[in-house]
PDB file of N, CA and C in Angstrom:
ATOM      1  N   MET A   1      91.329  49.492  14.412  1.00  0.00           N
ATOM      2  CA  MET A   1      91.500  49.120  16.049  1.00  0.00           C
ATOM      3  C   MET A   1      92.629  48.825  16.406  1.00  0.00           C
ATOM      4  N   ASN A   2      93.216  48.825  17.392  1.00  0.00           N
ATOM      5  CA  ASN A   2      94.311  48.657  18.052  1.00  0.00           C
ATOM      6  C   ASN A   2      94.276  47.633  19.254  1.00  0.00           C
ATOM      7  N   LEU A   3      95.557  46.992  19.291  1.00  0.00           N
ATOM      8  CA  LEU A   3      94.977  45.675  20.565  1.00  0.00           C
ATOM      9  C   LEU A   3      94.827  45.701  21.924  1.00  0.00           C
ATOM     10  N   LYS A   4      94.537  47.287  22.124  1.00  0.00           N
ATOM     11  CA  LYS A   4      93.915  47.238  23.502  1.00  0.00           C
ATOM     12  C   LYS A   4      92.378  47.226  23.632  1.00  0.00           C
ATOM     13  N   GLU A   5      92.217  47.889  22.620  1.00  0.00           N
ATOM     14  CA  GLU A   5      90.538  47.920  22.192  1.00  0.00           C
ATOM     15  C   GLU A   5      90.211  46.695  21.970  1.00  0.00           C
ATOM     16  N   MET A   6      91.030  46.000  21.360  1.00  0.00           N
ATOM     17  CA  MET A   6      90.651  44.163  20.885  1.00  0.00           C
ATOM     18  C   MET A   6      90.597  43.587  22.363  1.00  0.00           C
ATOM     19  N   TYR A   7      91.406  43.887  22.970  1.00  0.00           N
ATOM     20  CA  TYR A   7      91.481  43.378  24.197  1.00  0.00           C
ATOM     21  C   TYR A   7      90.311  43.508  25.341  1.00  0.00           C
ATOM     22  N   LYS A   8      90.270  44.940  25.234  1.00  0.00           N
ATOM     23  CA  LYS A   8      88.630  45.369  26.014  1.00  0.00           C
ATOM     24  C   LYS A   8      87.410  44.486  25.049  1.00  0.00           C
ATOM     25  N   GLN A   9      87.201  44.475  23.932  1.00  0.00           N
ATOM     26  CA  GLN A   9      86.283  43.995  23.544  1.00  0.00           C
ATOM     27  C   GLN A   9      85.909  42.740  23.736  1.00  0.00           C
ATOM     28  N   LYS A  10      86.861  41.726  23.940  1.00  0.00           N
ATOM     29  CA  LYS A  10      86.831  40.415  24.090  1.00  0.00           C
ATOM     30  C   LYS A  10      87.264  39.893  25.888  1.00  0.00           C
ATOM     31  N   LEU A  11      87.226  40.397  26.325  1.00  0.00           N
ATOM     32  CA  LEU A  11      87.718  40.429  27.782  1.00  0.00           C
ATOM     33  C   LEU A  11      86.002  40.246  28.329  1.00  0.00           C
ATOM     34  N   MET A  12      86.437  38.662  28.856  1.00  0.00           N
ATOM     35  CA  MET A  12      85.015  38.677  29.691  1.00  0.00           C
ATOM     36  C   MET A  12      85.150  37.457  30.891  1.00  0.00           C
ATOM     37  N   SER A  13      84.085  37.541  31.755  1.00  0.00           N
ATOM     38  CA  SER A  13      84.257  36.644  33.003  1.00  0.00           C
ATOM     39  C   SER A  13      84.520  35.348  32.463  1.00  0.00           C
ATOM     40  N   ALA A  14      84.744  34.196  33.088  1.00  0.00           N
ATOM     41  CA  ALA A  14      85.101  32.690  33.078  1.00  0.00           C
ATOM     42  C   ALA A  14      83.731  32.424  33.151  1.00  0.00           C
ATOM     43  N   GLU A  15      82.626  33.024  33.776  1.00  0.00           N
ATOM     44  CA  GLU A  15      81.248  32.157  33.387  1.00  0.00           C
ATOM     45  C   GLU A  15      80.727  32.523  32.551  1.00  0.00           C
ATOM     46  N   GLN A  16      81.083  33.780  31.558  1.00  0.00           N
ATOM     47  CA  GLN A  16      80.502  34.004  30.343  1.00  0.00           C
ATOM     48  C   GLN A  16      81.277  33.352  29.337  1.00  0.00           C
ATOM     49  N   ALA A  17      82.796  32.989  29.382  1.00  0.00           N
ATOM     50  CA  ALA A  17      83.504  32.176  28.677  1.00  0.00           C
ATOM     51  C   ALA A  17      82.904  31.054  28.429  1.00  0.00           C
ATOM     52  N   VAL A  18      82.638  30.102  30.046  1.00  0.00           N
ATOM     53  CA  VAL A  18      82.234  28.622  29.993  1.00  0.00           C
ATOM     54  C   VAL A  18      80.754  28.706  29.161  1.00  0.00           C
ATOM     55  N   LYS A  19      79.969  29.602  28.851  1.00  0.00           N
ATOM     56  CA  LYS A  19      79.031  29.508  28.146  1.00  0.00           C
ATOM     57  C   LYS A  19      78.805  29.199  26.996  1.00  0.00           C
ATOM     58  N   MET A  20      80.327  29.679  26.344  1.00  0.00           N
ATOM     59  CA  MET A  20      80.500  29.189  25.030  1.00  0.00           C
ATOM     60  C   MET A  20      80.654  27.801  24.656  1.00  0.00           C
ATOM     61  N   VAL A  21      81.087  27.014  25.718  1.00  0.00           N
ATOM     62  CA  VAL A  21      81.214  25.600  25.531  1.00  0.00           C
ATOM     63  C   VAL A  21      79.803  24.687  25.753  1.00  0.00           C
ATOM     64  N   LYS A  22      79.801  23.854  24.227  1.00  0.00           N
ATOM     65  CA  LYS A  22      78.551  22.980  23.827  1.00  0.00           C
ATOM     66  C   LYS A  22      78.552  21.623  24.766  1.00  0.00           C
ATOM     67  N   ASN A  23      77.627  20.838  24.749  1.00  0.00           N
ATOM     68  CA  ASN A  23      77.391  19.700  24.688  1.00  0.00           C
ATOM     69  C   ASN A  23      78.343  19.282  24.028  1.00  0.00           C
ATOM     70  N   GLY A  24      78.970  17.897  24.074  1.00  0.00           N
ATOM     71  CA  GLY A  24      79.900  17.012  23.574  1.00  0.00           C
ATOM     72  C   GLY A  24      81.352  17.608  23.415  1.00  0.00           C
ATOM     73  N   THR A  25      81.813  18.724  23.770  1.00  0.00           N
ATOM     74  CA  THR A  25      82.836  19.795  23.812  1.00  0.00           C
ATOM     75  C   THR A  25      84.104  18.910  24.632  1.00  0.00           C
ATOM     76  N   GLU A  26      85.139  18.647  23.727  1.00  0.00           N
ATOM     77  CA  GLU A  26      86.338  18.343  24.558  1.00  0.00           C
ATOM     78  C   GLU A  26      86.983  19.353  24.829  1.00  0.00           C
ATOM     79  N   VAL A  27      87.539  19.905  26.079  1.00  0.00           N
ATOM     80  CA  VAL A  27      88.301  20.877  26.483  1.00  0.00           C
ATOM     81  C   VAL A  27      89.497  20.635  26.728  1.00  0.00           C
ATOM     82  N   TRP A  28      90.654  21.072  26.019  1.00  0.00           N
ATOM     83  CA  TRP A  28      91.804  20.933  26.313  1.00  0.00           C
ATOM     84  C   TRP A  28      92.744  21.980  27.150  1.00  0.00           C
ATOM     85  N   ILE A  29      93.700  21.615  27.929  1.00  0.00           N
ATOM     86  CA  ILE A  29      94.567  22.771  28.537  1.00  0.00           C
ATOM     87  C   ILE A  29      95.611  22.326  27.973  1.00  0.00           C
ATOM     88  N   GLY A  30      96.154  22.735  27.399  1.00  0.00           N
ATOM     89  CA  GLY A  30      97.866  22.409  27.086  1.00  0.00           C
ATOM     90  C   GLY A  30      99.074  22.166  28.084  1.00  0.00           C
ATOM     91  N   ILE A  31      99.664  21.500  27.410  1.00  0.00           N
ATOM     92  CA  ILE A  31     100.985  21.043  28.198  1.00  0.00           C
ATOM     93  C   ILE A  31     101.501  22.381  28.577  1.00  0.00           C
ATOM     94  N   ALA A  32     102.353  22.100  29.812  1.00  0.00           N
ATOM     95  CA  ALA A  32     103.277  23.125  30.509  1.00  0.00           C
ATOM     96  C   ALA A  32     102.917  24.681  30.687  1.00  0.00           C
ATOM     97  N   VAL A  33     101.561  24.223  30.973  1.00  0.00           N
ATOM     98  CA  VAL A  33     101.025  25.535  31.354  1.00  0.00           C
ATOM     99  C   VAL A  33     100.001  25.312  32.681  1.00  0.00           C
ATOM    100  N   PRO A  34     100.020  26.028  33.403  1.00  0.00           N
ATOM    101  CA  PRO A  34      98.967  26.032  34.980  1.00  0.00           C
ATOM    102  C   PRO A  34      97.457  26.242  34.732  1.00  0.00           C
ATOM    103  N   ALA A  35      96.748  25.259  35.263  1.00  0.00           N
ATOM    104  CA  ALA A  35      95.262  25.040  35.028  1.00  0.00           C
ATOM    105  C   ALA A  35      94.944  25.952  35.308  1.00  0.00           C
ATOM    106  N   PRO A  36      93.770  26.585  34.273  1.00  0.00           N
ATOM    107  CA  PRO A  36      93.192  27.728  34.538  1.00  0.00           C
ATOM    108  C   PRO A  36      91.864  27.776  35.347  1.00  0.00           C
ATOM    109  N   LEU A  37      91.901  27.897  36.727  1.00  0.00           N
ATOM    110  CA  LEU A  37      91.432  27.254  37.818  1.00  0.00           C
ATOM    111  C   LEU A  37      90.132  27.933  37.686  1.00  0.00           C
ATOM    112  N   ALA A  38      89.729  29.212  37.327  1.00  0.00           N
ATOM    113  CA  ALA A  38      88.298  29.875  37.384  1.00  0.00           C
ATOM    114  C   ALA A  38      88.213  29.174  36.042  1.00  0.00           C
ATOM    115  N   LEU A  39      88.097  28.897  34.869  1.00  0.00           N
ATOM    116  CA  LEU A  39      87.541  28.769  34.007  1.00  0.00           C
ATOM    117  C   LEU A  39      87.212  26.917  33.886  1.00  0.00           C
ATOM    118  N   VAL A  40      87.817  25.934  34.997  1.00  0.00           N
ATOM    119  CA  VAL A  40      87.875  24.974  35.258  1.00  0.00           C
ATOM    120  C   VAL A  40      86.809  25.221  35.903  1.00  0.00           C
ATOM    121  N   ASN A  41      86.685  25.675  37.393  1.00  0.00           N
ATOM    122  CA  ASN A  41      85.414  25.563  38.226  1.00  0.00           C
ATOM    123  C   ASN A  41      84.334  26.289  37.408  1.00  0.00           C
ATOM    124  N   ALA A  42      84.782  27.123  36.993  1.00  0.00           N
ATOM    125  CA  ALA A  42      82.987  27.514  36.147  1.00  0.00           C
ATOM    126  C   ALA A  42      82.390  26.667  35.315  1.00  0.00           C
ATOM    127  N   LEU A  43      83.466  25.936  34.495  1.00  0.00           N
ATOM    128  CA  LEU A  43      83.067  24.746  33.991  1.00  0.00           C
ATOM    129  C   LEU A  43      82.022  23.779  34.695  1.00  0.00           C
ATOM    130  N   VAL A  44      83.084  23.198  35.677  1.00  0.00           N
ATOM    131  CA  VAL A  44      82.354  22.523  36.865  1.00  0.00           C
ATOM    132  C   VAL A  44      81.040  22.962  37.378  1.00  0.00           C
ATOM    133  N   ASP A  45      80.312  24.023  37.482  1.00  0.00           N
ATOM    134  CA  ASP A  45      79.552  24.711  37.963  1.00  0.00           C
ATOM    135  C   ASP A  45      78.416  24.348  36.846  1.00  0.00           C
ATOM    136  N   ARG A  46      78.740  24.560  35.897  1.00  0.00           N
ATOM    137  CA  ARG A  46      77.820  24.466  34.475  1.00  0.00           C
ATOM    138  C   ARG A  46      77.353  22.916  34.193  1.00  0.00           C
ATOM    139  N   GLU A  47      77.977  21.718  35.497  1.00  0.00           N
ATOM    140  CA  GLU A  47      77.434  20.363  35.121  1.00  0.00           C
ATOM    141  C   GLU A  47      76.328  20.189  35.018  1.00  0.00           C
ATOM    142  N   PRO A  48      75.243  20.654  35.688  1.00  0.00           N
ATOM    143  CA  PRO A  48      73.537  20.525  35.295  1.00  0.00           C
ATOM    144  C   PRO A  48      73.287  20.783  34.016  1.00  0.00           C
ATOM    145  N   GLU A  49      73.891  21.839  33.465  1.00  0.00           N
ATOM    146  CA  GLU A  49      73.367  22.448  32.217  1.00  0.00           C
ATOM    147  C   GLU A  49      74.129  21.778  30.930  1.00  0.00           C
ATOM    148  N   VAL A  50      75.024  20.949  31.046  1.00  0.00           N
ATOM    149  CA  VAL A  50      75.887  20.357  30.082  1.00  0.00           C
ATOM    150  C   VAL A  50      76.048  18.797  29.941  1.00  0.00           C
ATOM    151  N   GLU A  51      76.202  18.240  29.089  1.00  0.00           N
ATOM    152  CA  GLU A  51      76.414  16.968  29.163  1.00  0.00           C
ATOM    153  C   GLU A  51      77.672  16.275  28.097  1.00  0.00           C
ATOM    154  N   ASP A  52      78.144  15.509  28.607  1.00  0.00           N
ATOM    155  CA  ASP A  52      79.418  15.067  27.699  1.00  0.00           C
ATOM    156  C   ASP A  52      80.831  15.886  27.760  1.00  0.00           C
ATOM    157  N   ILE A  53      80.745  16.638  28.490  1.00  0.00           N
ATOM    158  CA  ILE A  53      82.037  17.515  28.583  1.00  0.00           C
ATOM    159  C   ILE A  53      83.389  16.734  29.065  1.00  0.00           C
ATOM    160  N   THR A  54      84.504  16.909  28.285  1.00  0.00           N
ATOM    161  CA  THR A  54      85.650  16.060  28.788  1.00  0.00           C
ATOM    162  C   THR A  54      86.657  17.021  28.802  1.00  0.00           C
ATOM    163  N   ILE A  55      87.093  17.068  29.943  1.00  0.00           N
ATOM    164  CA  ILE A  55      88.576  17.951  30.339  1.00  0.00           C
ATOM    165  C   ILE A  55      89.996  17.561  30.205  1.00  0.00           C
ATOM    166  N   ASN A  56      90.386  17.516  29.356  1.00  0.00           N
ATOM    167  CA  ASN A  56      91.706  17.035  29.080  1.00  0.00           C
ATOM    168  C   ASN A  56      92.875  17.749  29.498  1.00  0.00           C
ATOM    169  N   HIS A  57      93.774  17.446  30.241  1.00  0.00           N
ATOM    170  CA  HIS A  57      94.707  18.143  30.935  1.00  0.00           C
ATOM    171  C   HIS A  57      96.206  17.020  31.245  1.00  0.00           C
ATOM    172  N   ILE A  58      97.120  17.679  30.559  1.00  0.00           N
ATOM    173  CA  ILE A  58      98.386  16.588  30.784  1.00  0.00           C
ATOM    174  C   ILE A  58      98.613  16.481  32.224  1.00  0.00           C
ATOM    175  N   VAL A  59      99.237  17.382  32.636  1.00  0.00           N
ATOM    176  CA  VAL A  59      99.664  17.426  34.327  1.00  0.00           C
ATOM    177  C   VAL A  59      98.578  18.604  35.121  1.00  0.00           C
ATOM    178  N   ASP A  60      97.553  17.716  35.586  1.00  0.00           N
ATOM    179  CA  ASP A  60      96.790  18.608  36.735  1.00  0.00           C
ATOM    180  C   ASP A  60      97.116  18.572  37.963  1.00  0.00           C
ATOM    181  N   LEU A  61      97.452  19.714  38.383  1.00  0.00           N
ATOM    182  CA  LEU A  61      98.050  19.940  39.466  1.00  0.00           C
ATOM    183  C   LEU A  61      96.914  20.002  40.862  1.00  0.00           C
ATOM    184  N   TYR A  62      95.558  20.081  40.432  1.00  0.00           N
ATOM    185  CA  TYR A  62      94.887  20.361  41.251  1.00  0.00           C
ATOM    186  C   TYR A  62      93.568  19.433  41.021  1.00  0.00           C
ATOM    187  N   PRO A  63      93.718  18.095  40.959  1.00  0.00           N
ATOM    188  CA  PRO A  63      92.661  17.033  40.351  1.00  0.00           C
ATOM    189  C   PRO A  63      91.222  17.574  41.191  1.00  0.00           C
ATOM    190  N   GLN A  64      92.129  17.668  42.232  1.00  0.00           N
ATOM    191  CA  GLN A  64      90.924  17.123  43.733  1.00  0.00           C
ATOM    192  C   GLN A  64      89.892  18.212  43.534  1.00  0.00           C
ATOM    193  N   ASN A  65      89.963  19.329  43.070  1.00  0.00           N
ATOM    194  CA  ASN A  65      89.337  20.136  42.743  1.00  0.00           C
ATOM    195  C   ASN A  65      87.906  20.346  42.053  1.00  0.00           C
ATOM    196  N   THR A  66      88.309  19.300  41.016  1.00  0.00           N
ATOM    197  CA  THR A  66      87.049  19.131  40.203  1.00  0.00           C
ATOM    198  C   THR A  66      86.017  18.191  40.483  1.00  0.00           C
ATOM    199  N   TRP A  67      87.058  16.923  41.105  1.00  0.00           N
ATOM    200  CA  TRP A  67      86.203  15.591  41.642  1.00  0.00           C
ATOM    201  C   TRP A  67      85.343  16.266  42.998  1.00  0.00           C
ATOM    202  N   HIS A  68      85.772  16.873  43.760  1.00  0.00           N
ATOM    203  CA  HIS A  68      85.008  17.473  44.683  1.00  0.00           C
ATOM    204  C   HIS A  68      83.815  18.441  44.653  1.00  0.00           C
ATOM    205  N   LYS A  69      83.778  19.175  43.655  1.00  0.00           N
ATOM    206  CA  LYS A  69      82.937  19.988  43.478  1.00  0.00           C
ATOM    207  C   LYS A  69      81.924  18.925  42.976  1.00  0.00           C
ATOM    208  N   LEU A  70      82.061  18.068  41.912  1.00  0.00           N
ATOM    209  CA  LEU A  70      80.666  17.243  42.082  1.00  0.00           C
ATOM    210  C   LEU A  70      80.542  15.925  42.685  1.00  0.00           C
ATOM    211  N   ASN A  71      81.241  16.151  43.929  1.00  0.00           N
ATOM    212  CA  ASN A  71      80.807  14.866  44.811  1.00  0.00           C
ATOM    213  C   ASN A  71      80.864  13.532  44.248  1.00  0.00           C
ATOM    214  N   ARG A  72      81.855  13.735  43.791  1.00  0.00           N
ATOM    215  CA  ARG A  72      82.588  12.093  42.749  1.00  0.00           C
ATOM    216  C   ARG A  72      84.116  11.683  43.851  1.00  0.00           C
ATOM    217  N   GLU A  73      84.178  10.786  43.648  1.00  0.00           N
ATOM    218  CA  GLU A  73      85.724  10.214  44.021  1.00  0.00           C
ATOM    219  C   GLU A  73      86.596   9.251  42.768  1.00  0.00           C
TER     220      GLU A  73
END
């Protein structure tokens, strides 16, 4: 299988990807990378379904997005 086929086989939406995150998971977003907003927002949308998820990001340029979606301050 070549790289293009592997890419197509693994390609999924943000919503599909965050369904792989289980309760109690720590999600780390690497340093010096922009926040993957689609993934973070999709994970926040799953908030009623999951428990004890921690999102760790060293430099979060959009912290208000997550908190505002959850109606928290």
